[in-house]
Amino acid sequence: LAKEHFLIGFFSSFVLGVGKTTLIQKASEVLKSSGVSVDGFYTEEVRQGGRRIGFDVVTLSGTRGPLSRVGLEPPPGKRECRVGQYVVDVTSFEHLALPVLKTAGSSGSPGQRVCVIDEIGKMELFSQPFIQAVRQTLSTPGTVILGTIPVPKGKPLALVEEIRNRSDVQVFSVTKENRNHLLPDIVTSVQSSRR
């Protein structure tokens, strides 16, 4: 039996703050307004006094929780998961992200659901259950994933490279120059992959 193919649009960029999350939010809104079932999560900067102090995970249904914070203490008995100055709250992340992926991974109607995963990066990859859930979602026939991955620099991230090298993945490289022109291409790609 041939496995059903589906498109996954992943965005990558070299620069933090280039607009990947904004682009994915706009694409989600356009898809929702055209009657597409969209679920998932995105990450958002948290600022205090003009300074970035961390990131939150926000589900498309509006639930929010911490992904990372500057100076966060890990829970007693848990190892510290750190990316630069940010300490990752793996428990909070899993509490929000895993249920969304589980729902997307159990899609009963092929081609009818879009799952947003913003992003698959160093912070998120501290969670083994998240890695397993992403792989499960990737192997669910008919599920279209709209996600973000970082551009490779330094040590490669295994899951990111696995995604980047899939034949059924379309990667859009996002820059400040092209970010405002990519939206129609992304929406068209997702809609055509659902047919």
N, C-alpha and C. Protein backbone atom coordinates (compact mmCIF):
# COMPACT_ATOMS: atom_id res chain seq x y z
N LEU A 1 0.84 -1.20 0.00
CA LEU A 1 0.00 0.00 0.00
C LEU A 1 0.88 1.25 0.00
N ALA A 2 0.57 2.16 -0.88
CA ALA A 2 1.32 3.42 -0.92
C ALA A 2 0.86 4.32 0.21
N LYS A 3 1.79 4.91 0.90
CA LYS A 3 1.46 5.84 1.97
C LYS A 3 0.96 7.15 1.36
N GLU A 4 -0.09 7.71 1.95
CA GLU A 4 -0.58 8.99 1.46
C GLU A 4 0.47 10.06 1.68
N HIS A 5 0.65 10.92 0.70
CA HIS A 5 1.61 12.00 0.84
C HIS A 5 0.90 13.26 1.30
N PHE A 6 1.58 14.06 2.04
CA PHE A 6 1.01 15.32 2.51
C PHE A 6 2.12 16.34 2.56
N LEU A 7 1.76 17.57 2.37
CA LEU A 7 2.76 18.64 2.39
C LEU A 7 2.94 19.16 3.80
N ILE A 8 4.15 19.47 4.12
CA ILE A 8 4.43 20.13 5.38
C ILE A 8 5.19 21.39 5.04
N GLY A 9 4.67 22.52 5.39
CA GLY A 9 5.40 23.76 5.15
C GLY A 9 6.18 24.12 6.39
N PHE A 10 7.47 24.12 6.29
CA PHE A 10 8.29 24.54 7.41
C PHE A 10 9.03 25.80 7.03
N PHE A 11 9.12 26.71 7.97
CA PHE A 11 9.81 27.97 7.74
C PHE A 11 11.10 27.94 8.53
N SER A 12 12.15 28.46 7.95
CA SER A 12 13.38 28.55 8.71
C SER A 12 14.04 29.89 8.41
N SER A 13 14.82 30.35 9.36
CA SER A 13 15.55 31.60 9.14
C SER A 13 16.78 31.62 10.03
N PHE A 14 17.74 32.46 9.68
CA PHE A 14 18.96 32.61 10.47
C PHE A 14 18.73 33.54 11.65
N VAL A 15 17.76 34.43 11.55
CA VAL A 15 17.64 35.53 12.50
C VAL A 15 16.42 35.35 13.38
N LEU A 16 16.61 35.51 14.69
CA LEU A 16 15.48 35.53 15.61
C LEU A 16 14.73 36.82 15.36
N GLY A 17 13.41 36.78 15.38
CA GLY A 17 12.63 37.99 15.21
C GLY A 17 12.41 38.37 13.76
N VAL A 18 12.60 37.41 12.84
CA VAL A 18 12.42 37.71 11.42
C VAL A 18 10.94 37.70 11.02
N GLY A 19 10.09 37.08 11.83
CA GLY A 19 8.66 37.08 11.55
C GLY A 19 8.06 35.72 11.24
N LYS A 20 8.74 34.60 11.61
CA LYS A 20 8.21 33.26 11.34
C LYS A 20 6.89 33.05 12.07
N THR A 21 6.86 33.42 13.35
CA THR A 21 5.66 33.19 14.16
C THR A 21 4.50 34.04 13.65
N THR A 22 4.76 35.29 13.32
CA THR A 22 3.71 36.16 12.78
C THR A 22 3.16 35.57 11.48
N LEU A 23 4.05 35.07 10.64
CA LEU A 23 3.65 34.47 9.37
C LEU A 23 2.77 33.25 9.60
N ILE A 24 3.15 32.41 10.54
CA ILE A 24 2.38 31.20 10.82
C ILE A 24 1.01 31.56 11.42
N GLN A 25 0.96 32.62 12.24
CA GLN A 25 -0.31 33.06 12.80
C GLN A 25 -1.24 33.58 11.70
N LYS A 26 -0.69 34.37 10.78
CA LYS A 26 -1.50 34.90 9.67
C LYS A 26 -2.01 33.76 8.79
N ALA A 27 -1.13 32.81 8.47
CA ALA A 27 -1.54 31.66 7.64
C ALA A 27 -2.65 30.88 8.33
N SER A 28 -2.55 30.68 9.64
CA SER A 28 -3.57 29.96 10.41
C SER A 28 -4.91 30.68 10.31
N GLU A 29 -4.89 32.01 10.46
CA GLU A 29 -6.13 32.80 10.38
C GLU A 29 -6.78 32.70 9.01
N VAL A 30 -5.97 32.81 7.95
CA VAL A 30 -6.51 32.72 6.59
C VAL A 30 -7.13 31.34 6.36
N LEU A 31 -6.43 30.29 6.80
CA LEU A 31 -6.93 28.93 6.63
C LEU A 31 -8.23 28.72 7.41
N LYS A 32 -8.24 29.17 8.66
CA LYS A 32 -9.45 29.04 9.49
C LYS A 32 -10.63 29.75 8.84
N SER A 33 -10.38 30.96 8.34
CA SER A 33 -11.48 31.74 7.75
C SER A 33 -12.00 31.12 6.46
N SER A 34 -11.20 30.22 5.85
CA SER A 34 -11.70 29.53 4.66
C SER A 34 -12.27 28.16 5.00
N GLY A 35 -12.50 27.91 6.30
CA GLY A 35 -13.17 26.69 6.73
C GLY A 35 -12.27 25.51 7.04
N VAL A 36 -10.97 25.71 7.07
CA VAL A 36 -10.03 24.63 7.37
C VAL A 36 -9.92 24.46 8.89
N SER A 37 -9.92 23.21 9.35
CA SER A 37 -9.73 22.92 10.77
C SER A 37 -8.23 23.06 11.09
N VAL A 38 -7.88 24.03 11.95
CA VAL A 38 -6.48 24.30 12.29
C VAL A 38 -6.33 24.22 13.80
N ASP A 39 -5.33 23.47 14.26
CA ASP A 39 -5.02 23.38 15.68
C ASP A 39 -3.51 23.41 15.81
N GLY A 40 -3.02 23.62 17.02
CA GLY A 40 -1.58 23.62 17.22
C GLY A 40 -1.16 24.65 18.23
N PHE A 41 0.11 25.05 18.15
CA PHE A 41 0.64 26.03 19.09
C PHE A 41 1.73 26.85 18.43
N TYR A 42 2.01 28.01 19.03
CA TYR A 42 3.13 28.84 18.60
C TYR A 42 3.85 29.34 19.85
N THR A 43 5.06 29.84 19.64
CA THR A 43 5.83 30.39 20.75
C THR A 43 5.86 31.91 20.61
N GLU A 44 5.86 32.58 21.74
CA GLU A 44 5.81 34.04 21.74
C GLU A 44 6.79 34.60 22.76
N GLU A 45 7.48 35.66 22.38
CA GLU A 45 8.40 36.33 23.30
C GLU A 45 7.63 36.90 24.50
N VAL A 46 8.29 36.87 25.65
CA VAL A 46 7.74 37.53 26.84
C VAL A 46 8.72 38.63 27.21
N ARG A 47 8.23 39.85 27.29
CA ARG A 47 9.09 41.00 27.59
C ARG A 47 8.67 41.65 28.90
N GLN A 48 9.66 42.22 29.56
CA GLN A 48 9.42 42.96 30.80
C GLN A 48 10.32 44.18 30.76
N GLY A 49 9.74 45.35 30.82
CA GLY A 49 10.53 46.58 30.75
C GLY A 49 11.35 46.69 29.48
N GLY A 50 10.80 46.20 28.36
CA GLY A 50 11.50 46.29 27.07
C GLY A 50 12.56 45.22 26.86
N ARG A 51 12.77 44.35 27.84
CA ARG A 51 13.79 43.30 27.75
C ARG A 51 13.13 41.93 27.64
N ARG A 52 13.64 41.09 26.73
CA ARG A 52 13.08 39.74 26.61
C ARG A 52 13.52 38.91 27.80
N ILE A 53 12.53 38.33 28.50
CA ILE A 53 12.84 37.51 29.68
C ILE A 53 12.51 36.04 29.45
N GLY A 54 11.95 35.73 28.27
CA GLY A 54 11.63 34.33 28.00
C GLY A 54 10.65 34.17 26.86
N PHE A 55 10.08 32.96 26.80
CA PHE A 55 9.12 32.62 25.76
C PHE A 55 7.95 31.86 26.39
N ASP A 56 6.76 32.06 25.83
CA ASP A 56 5.58 31.30 26.22
C ASP A 56 5.17 30.39 25.08
N VAL A 57 4.46 29.32 25.43
CA VAL A 57 3.77 28.47 24.46
C VAL A 57 2.32 28.93 24.48
N VAL A 58 1.74 29.17 23.30
CA VAL A 58 0.35 29.59 23.20
C VAL A 58 -0.36 28.65 22.23
N THR A 59 -1.40 27.96 22.71
CA THR A 59 -2.15 27.09 21.80
C THR A 59 -3.08 27.95 20.96
N LEU A 60 -3.50 27.44 19.82
CA LEU A 60 -4.40 28.21 18.95
C LEU A 60 -5.77 28.40 19.59
N SER A 61 -6.07 27.61 20.63
CA SER A 61 -7.32 27.82 21.36
C SER A 61 -7.15 28.87 22.47
N GLY A 62 -5.90 29.39 22.63
CA GLY A 62 -5.69 30.51 23.55
C GLY A 62 -5.07 30.19 24.90
N THR A 63 -4.81 28.91 25.18
CA THR A 63 -4.16 28.55 26.44
C THR A 63 -2.69 28.92 26.37
N ARG A 64 -2.15 29.47 27.46
CA ARG A 64 -0.78 29.96 27.47
C ARG A 64 -0.05 29.46 28.70
N GLY A 65 1.27 29.21 28.53
CA GLY A 65 2.11 28.81 29.65
C GLY A 65 3.56 29.05 29.32
N PRO A 66 4.43 29.06 30.33
CA PRO A 66 5.84 29.33 30.07
C PRO A 66 6.55 28.20 29.33
N LEU A 67 7.38 28.60 28.37
CA LEU A 67 8.31 27.68 27.71
C LEU A 67 9.68 27.84 28.35
N SER A 68 10.10 29.09 28.55
CA SER A 68 11.41 29.34 29.16
C SER A 68 11.41 30.71 29.81
N ARG A 69 12.35 30.88 30.75
CA ARG A 69 12.54 32.16 31.41
C ARG A 69 14.01 32.32 31.76
N VAL A 70 14.45 33.56 31.82
CA VAL A 70 15.79 33.87 32.31
C VAL A 70 15.79 33.60 33.81
N GLY A 71 16.78 32.84 34.28
CA GLY A 71 16.94 32.63 35.72
C GLY A 71 15.93 31.71 36.38
N LEU A 72 15.15 30.98 35.61
CA LEU A 72 14.18 30.04 36.16
C LEU A 72 14.92 28.90 36.86
N GLU A 73 14.44 28.50 38.02
CA GLU A 73 15.03 27.35 38.73
C GLU A 73 14.30 26.09 38.29
N PRO A 74 15.03 25.02 37.94
CA PRO A 74 14.35 23.77 37.58
C PRO A 74 13.65 23.18 38.82
N PRO A 75 12.57 22.41 38.61
CA PRO A 75 11.90 21.79 39.76
C PRO A 75 12.86 20.86 40.51
N PRO A 76 12.65 20.68 41.82
CA PRO A 76 13.53 19.80 42.61
C PRO A 76 13.62 18.41 41.99
N GLY A 77 14.85 17.92 41.85
CA GLY A 77 15.08 16.58 41.31
C GLY A 77 15.09 16.52 39.79
N LYS A 78 14.82 17.63 39.12
CA LYS A 78 14.82 17.66 37.65
C LYS A 78 16.11 18.31 37.17
N ARG A 79 16.64 17.83 36.04
CA ARG A 79 17.85 18.44 35.51
C ARG A 79 17.51 19.79 34.87
N GLU A 80 18.46 20.68 34.87
CA GLU A 80 18.26 21.99 34.25
C GLU A 80 18.42 21.87 32.74
N CYS A 81 17.43 22.32 32.01
CA CYS A 81 17.48 22.34 30.55
C CYS A 81 17.65 23.80 30.14
N ARG A 82 18.80 24.14 29.59
CA ARG A 82 19.13 25.53 29.33
C ARG A 82 19.54 25.74 27.88
N VAL A 83 19.06 26.86 27.30
CA VAL A 83 19.52 27.32 26.00
C VAL A 83 19.96 28.77 26.21
N GLY A 84 21.27 28.98 26.19
CA GLY A 84 21.79 30.32 26.49
C GLY A 84 21.40 30.74 27.89
N GLN A 85 20.79 31.90 28.00
CA GLN A 85 20.37 32.41 29.32
C GLN A 85 19.01 31.89 29.76
N TYR A 86 18.33 31.15 28.87
CA TYR A 86 16.96 30.71 29.15
C TYR A 86 16.93 29.29 29.71
N VAL A 87 16.18 29.12 30.82
CA VAL A 87 15.96 27.80 31.39
C VAL A 87 14.58 27.35 30.92
N VAL A 88 14.52 26.15 30.32
CA VAL A 88 13.29 25.64 29.72
C VAL A 88 12.42 24.95 30.77
N ASP A 89 11.13 25.29 30.78
CA ASP A 89 10.14 24.65 31.65
C ASP A 89 9.52 23.51 30.84
N VAL A 90 10.18 22.36 30.85
CA VAL A 90 9.77 21.23 30.02
C VAL A 90 8.37 20.75 30.41
N THR A 91 8.07 20.72 31.70
CA THR A 91 6.77 20.24 32.18
C THR A 91 5.64 21.12 31.64
N SER A 92 5.80 22.43 31.74
CA SER A 92 4.78 23.36 31.24
C SER A 92 4.61 23.20 29.73
N PHE A 93 5.73 23.10 29.01
CA PHE A 93 5.69 22.93 27.56
C PHE A 93 4.91 21.67 27.18
N GLU A 94 5.25 20.55 27.82
CA GLU A 94 4.59 19.28 27.50
C GLU A 94 3.10 19.33 27.81
N HIS A 95 2.75 19.99 28.92
CA HIS A 95 1.35 20.11 29.33
C HIS A 95 0.50 20.79 28.25
N LEU A 96 1.10 21.76 27.54
CA LEU A 96 0.36 22.49 26.52
C LEU A 96 0.48 21.86 25.13
N ALA A 97 1.70 21.46 24.74
CA ALA A 97 1.95 21.01 23.37
C ALA A 97 1.49 19.58 23.10
N LEU A 98 1.69 18.68 24.04
CA LEU A 98 1.41 17.26 23.77
C LEU A 98 -0.06 16.96 23.48
N PRO A 99 -1.02 17.53 24.23
CA PRO A 99 -2.43 17.25 23.91
C PRO A 99 -2.81 17.70 22.49
N VAL A 100 -2.26 18.83 22.05
CA VAL A 100 -2.54 19.35 20.71
C VAL A 100 -2.02 18.38 19.65
N LEU A 101 -0.80 17.88 19.85
CA LEU A 101 -0.21 16.94 18.88
C LEU A 101 -0.94 15.60 18.90
N LYS A 102 -1.39 15.19 20.07
CA LYS A 102 -2.11 13.92 20.17
C LYS A 102 -3.40 13.99 19.37
N THR A 103 -4.09 15.12 19.46
CA THR A 103 -5.33 15.32 18.70
C THR A 103 -5.05 15.30 17.21
N ALA A 104 -4.00 16.00 16.79
CA ALA A 104 -3.65 16.05 15.36
C ALA A 104 -3.22 14.68 14.85
N GLY A 105 -2.50 13.93 15.67
CA GLY A 105 -1.99 12.62 15.27
C GLY A 105 -3.06 11.55 15.18
N SER A 106 -4.26 11.85 15.69
CA SER A 106 -5.34 10.86 15.64
C SER A 106 -6.42 11.28 14.66
N SER A 107 -6.04 12.07 13.68
CA SER A 107 -7.00 12.56 12.67
C SER A 107 -7.66 11.39 11.96
N GLY A 108 -8.98 11.36 12.01
CA GLY A 108 -9.70 10.28 11.36
C GLY A 108 -10.07 10.60 9.92
N SER A 109 -10.02 11.87 9.56
CA SER A 109 -10.43 12.25 8.21
C SER A 109 -9.25 12.84 7.45
N PRO A 110 -8.62 12.04 6.57
CA PRO A 110 -7.42 12.48 5.86
C PRO A 110 -7.61 13.81 5.14
N GLY A 111 -6.60 14.65 5.24
CA GLY A 111 -6.61 15.90 4.51
C GLY A 111 -7.49 16.98 5.08
N GLN A 112 -8.10 16.71 6.21
CA GLN A 112 -9.06 17.67 6.74
C GLN A 112 -8.51 18.52 7.87
N ARG A 113 -7.29 18.26 8.29
CA ARG A 113 -6.77 18.95 9.47
C ARG A 113 -5.38 19.51 9.22
N VAL A 114 -5.14 20.72 9.74
CA VAL A 114 -3.81 21.34 9.69
C VAL A 114 -3.32 21.48 11.12
N CYS A 115 -2.10 21.03 11.36
CA CYS A 115 -1.49 21.13 12.69
C CYS A 115 -0.34 22.12 12.64
N VAL A 116 -0.40 23.15 13.49
CA VAL A 116 0.64 24.17 13.57
C VAL A 116 1.62 23.80 14.69
N ILE A 117 2.91 23.73 14.35
CA ILE A 117 3.96 23.46 15.34
C ILE A 117 5.03 24.54 15.19
N ASP A 118 4.96 25.56 16.06
CA ASP A 118 5.93 26.65 16.04
C ASP A 118 6.60 26.71 17.42
N GLU A 119 7.71 26.13 17.65
CA GLU A 119 8.64 25.69 16.65
C GLU A 119 9.25 24.39 17.10
N ILE A 120 10.04 23.76 16.23
CA ILE A 120 10.78 22.56 16.59
C ILE A 120 12.23 23.00 16.67
N GLY A 121 12.64 23.40 17.87
CA GLY A 121 13.98 23.94 18.07
C GLY A 121 14.62 23.39 19.32
N LYS A 122 15.74 23.96 19.71
CA LYS A 122 16.51 23.44 20.85
C LYS A 122 15.68 23.33 22.13
N MET A 123 14.90 24.37 22.43
CA MET A 123 14.14 24.35 23.69
C MET A 123 13.14 23.21 23.71
N GLU A 124 12.39 23.08 22.62
CA GLU A 124 11.33 22.06 22.54
C GLU A 124 11.91 20.65 22.53
N LEU A 125 13.11 20.50 21.97
CA LEU A 125 13.70 19.16 21.83
C LEU A 125 14.28 18.59 23.12
N PHE A 126 14.17 19.35 24.23
CA PHE A 126 14.51 18.75 25.53
C PHE A 126 13.45 17.73 25.93
N SER A 127 12.30 17.75 25.29
CA SER A 127 11.19 16.85 25.62
C SER A 127 11.17 15.64 24.69
N GLN A 128 11.49 14.46 25.23
CA GLN A 128 11.42 13.23 24.45
C GLN A 128 9.99 12.91 24.03
N PRO A 129 8.98 13.10 24.91
CA PRO A 129 7.60 12.86 24.47
C PRO A 129 7.19 13.77 23.31
N PHE A 130 7.71 15.01 23.27
CA PHE A 130 7.43 15.92 22.17
C PHE A 130 8.02 15.37 20.87
N ILE A 131 9.26 14.91 20.93
CA ILE A 131 9.92 14.34 19.74
C ILE A 131 9.09 13.18 19.21
N GLN A 132 8.64 12.29 20.11
CA GLN A 132 7.82 11.14 19.70
C GLN A 132 6.50 11.60 19.10
N ALA A 133 5.88 12.61 19.71
CA ALA A 133 4.58 13.12 19.22
C ALA A 133 4.72 13.76 17.85
N VAL A 134 5.82 14.49 17.61
CA VAL A 134 6.05 15.09 16.29
C VAL A 134 6.21 13.99 15.25
N ARG A 135 7.00 12.97 15.58
CA ARG A 135 7.19 11.86 14.62
C ARG A 135 5.86 11.16 14.33
N GLN A 136 5.04 10.98 15.36
CA GLN A 136 3.73 10.35 15.19
C GLN A 136 2.85 11.21 14.27
N THR A 137 2.86 12.51 14.50
CA THR A 137 2.06 13.43 13.68
C THR A 137 2.54 13.42 12.23
N LEU A 138 3.87 13.38 12.05
CA LEU A 138 4.45 13.32 10.70
C LEU A 138 4.01 12.07 9.96
N SER A 139 3.77 10.99 10.69
CA SER A 139 3.43 9.72 10.02
C SER A 139 1.92 9.50 9.92
N THR A 140 1.11 10.48 10.35
CA THR A 140 -0.34 10.36 10.26
C THR A 140 -0.79 10.77 8.85
N PRO A 141 -1.31 9.80 8.06
CA PRO A 141 -1.74 10.13 6.70
C PRO A 141 -2.80 11.23 6.72
N GLY A 142 -2.64 12.19 5.81
CA GLY A 142 -3.65 13.23 5.67
C GLY A 142 -3.51 14.42 6.58
N THR A 143 -2.62 14.35 7.55
CA THR A 143 -2.42 15.51 8.42
C THR A 143 -1.40 16.43 7.76
N VAL A 144 -1.77 17.69 7.63
CA VAL A 144 -0.87 18.68 7.05
C VAL A 144 -0.26 19.45 8.21
N ILE A 145 1.05 19.56 8.24
CA ILE A 145 1.73 20.27 9.31
C ILE A 145 2.30 21.57 8.77
N LEU A 146 2.05 22.63 9.51
CA LEU A 146 2.60 23.93 9.20
C LEU A 146 3.49 24.26 10.38
N GLY A 147 4.79 24.30 10.19
CA GLY A 147 5.68 24.44 11.34
C GLY A 147 6.88 25.30 11.06
N THR A 148 7.68 25.50 12.11
CA THR A 148 8.92 26.25 11.95
C THR A 148 10.08 25.43 12.51
N ILE A 149 11.20 25.51 11.79
CA ILE A 149 12.44 24.88 12.21
C ILE A 149 13.57 25.89 12.05
N PRO A 150 14.61 25.76 12.85
CA PRO A 150 15.74 26.70 12.70
C PRO A 150 16.64 26.31 11.53
N VAL A 151 17.32 27.31 10.98
CA VAL A 151 18.34 27.07 9.98
C VAL A 151 19.51 26.41 10.70
N PRO A 152 20.14 25.39 10.07
CA PRO A 152 21.24 24.71 10.76
C PRO A 152 22.41 25.64 11.04
N LYS A 153 22.86 25.63 12.28
CA LYS A 153 24.11 26.31 12.66
C LYS A 153 24.61 25.58 13.90
N GLY A 154 25.88 25.34 13.95
CA GLY A 154 26.42 24.56 15.06
C GLY A 154 26.07 23.10 14.88
N LYS A 155 25.88 22.41 16.01
CA LYS A 155 25.59 20.98 16.00
C LYS A 155 24.18 20.75 15.46
N PRO A 156 24.03 19.86 14.44
CA PRO A 156 22.70 19.61 13.87
C PRO A 156 21.74 19.01 14.91
N LEU A 157 20.49 19.37 14.81
CA LEU A 157 19.44 18.80 15.66
C LEU A 157 18.80 17.66 14.87
N ALA A 158 18.88 16.45 15.40
CA ALA A 158 18.48 15.25 14.65
C ALA A 158 17.08 15.34 14.07
N LEU A 159 16.08 15.70 14.88
CA LEU A 159 14.71 15.75 14.39
C LEU A 159 14.54 16.83 13.32
N VAL A 160 15.19 17.96 13.50
CA VAL A 160 15.10 19.05 12.52
C VAL A 160 15.65 18.60 11.17
N GLU A 161 16.80 17.93 11.20
CA GLU A 161 17.40 17.45 9.94
C GLU A 161 16.55 16.36 9.30
N GLU A 162 15.97 15.51 10.14
CA GLU A 162 15.07 14.45 9.65
C GLU A 162 13.89 15.08 8.89
N ILE A 163 13.32 16.13 9.46
CA ILE A 163 12.20 16.84 8.83
C ILE A 163 12.65 17.52 7.55
N ARG A 164 13.76 18.24 7.63
CA ARG A 164 14.26 19.00 6.48
C ARG A 164 14.52 18.08 5.27
N ASN A 165 14.94 16.83 5.54
CA ASN A 165 15.32 15.91 4.47
C ASN A 165 14.19 15.02 3.96
N ARG A 166 12.98 15.18 4.51
CA ARG A 166 11.85 14.37 4.03
C ARG A 166 11.43 14.82 2.63
N SER A 167 11.03 13.86 1.81
CA SER A 167 10.63 14.20 0.44
C SER A 167 9.27 14.89 0.39
N ASP A 168 8.47 14.75 1.44
CA ASP A 168 7.13 15.35 1.45
C ASP A 168 7.09 16.68 2.21
N VAL A 169 8.25 17.26 2.40
CA VAL A 169 8.33 18.54 3.12
C VAL A 169 8.71 19.65 2.16
N GLN A 170 8.04 20.77 2.30
CA GLN A 170 8.40 21.96 1.55
C GLN A 170 8.88 22.99 2.57
N VAL A 171 10.13 23.45 2.42
CA VAL A 171 10.70 24.42 3.35
C VAL A 171 10.72 25.79 2.70
N PHE A 172 10.16 26.76 3.40
CA PHE A 172 10.20 28.16 2.96
C PHE A 172 11.24 28.85 3.82
N SER A 173 12.19 29.52 3.21
CA SER A 173 13.19 30.27 3.96
C SER A 173 12.66 31.69 4.18
N VAL A 174 12.52 32.08 5.43
CA VAL A 174 11.92 33.37 5.75
C VAL A 174 13.00 34.41 6.04
N THR A 175 12.88 35.54 5.37
CA THR A 175 13.79 36.67 5.63
C THR A 175 12.91 37.91 5.87
N LYS A 176 13.53 38.96 6.39
CA LYS A 176 12.77 40.20 6.57
C LYS A 176 12.30 40.74 5.22
N GLU A 177 13.06 40.45 4.17
CA GLU A 177 12.72 40.95 2.84
C GLU A 177 11.53 40.21 2.22
N ASN A 178 11.43 38.88 2.46
CA ASN A 178 10.38 38.12 1.77
C ASN A 178 9.17 37.78 2.64
N ARG A 179 9.25 38.03 3.94
CA ARG A 179 8.20 37.54 4.84
C ARG A 179 6.80 38.04 4.50
N ASN A 180 6.69 39.26 3.96
CA ASN A 180 5.37 39.80 3.63
C ASN A 180 4.80 39.26 2.33
N HIS A 181 5.65 38.60 1.53
CA HIS A 181 5.19 38.08 0.23
C HIS A 181 4.93 36.59 0.26
N LEU A 182 5.32 35.90 1.35
CA LEU A 182 5.22 34.44 1.40
C LEU A 182 3.82 33.92 1.72
N LEU A 183 3.02 34.73 2.40
CA LEU A 183 1.73 34.26 2.89
C LEU A 183 0.86 33.59 1.83
N PRO A 184 0.64 34.22 0.64
CA PRO A 184 -0.20 33.56 -0.36
C PRO A 184 0.36 32.21 -0.81
N ASP A 185 1.68 32.11 -0.97
CA ASP A 185 2.30 30.84 -1.40
C ASP A 185 2.06 29.75 -0.35
N ILE A 186 2.20 30.12 0.91
CA ILE A 186 2.04 29.16 2.00
C ILE A 186 0.60 28.66 2.05
N VAL A 187 -0.35 29.58 2.02
CA VAL A 187 -1.76 29.21 2.08
C VAL A 187 -2.14 28.33 0.89
N THR A 188 -1.68 28.70 -0.30
CA THR A 188 -1.96 27.91 -1.51
C THR A 188 -1.38 26.51 -1.38
N SER A 189 -0.14 26.40 -0.89
CA SER A 189 0.50 25.09 -0.73
C SER A 189 -0.29 24.21 0.24
N VAL A 190 -0.70 24.78 1.35
CA VAL A 190 -1.45 24.00 2.35
C VAL A 190 -2.80 23.57 1.77
N GLN A 191 -3.50 24.50 1.14
CA GLN A 191 -4.83 24.17 0.59
C GLN A 191 -4.72 23.10 -0.51
N SER A 192 -3.70 23.19 -1.36
CA SER A 192 -3.59 22.19 -2.43
C SER A 192 -3.19 20.82 -1.86
N SER A 193 -2.48 20.80 -0.75
CA SER A 193 -2.07 19.51 -0.15
C SER A 193 -3.24 18.82 0.54
N ARG A 194 -4.30 19.55 0.83
CA ARG A 194 -5.46 18.96 1.52
C ARG A 194 -6.40 18.26 0.54
N ARG A 195 -6.21 18.47 -0.76
CA ARG A 195 -7.15 17.89 -1.74
C ARG A 195 -6.92 16.41 -1.91
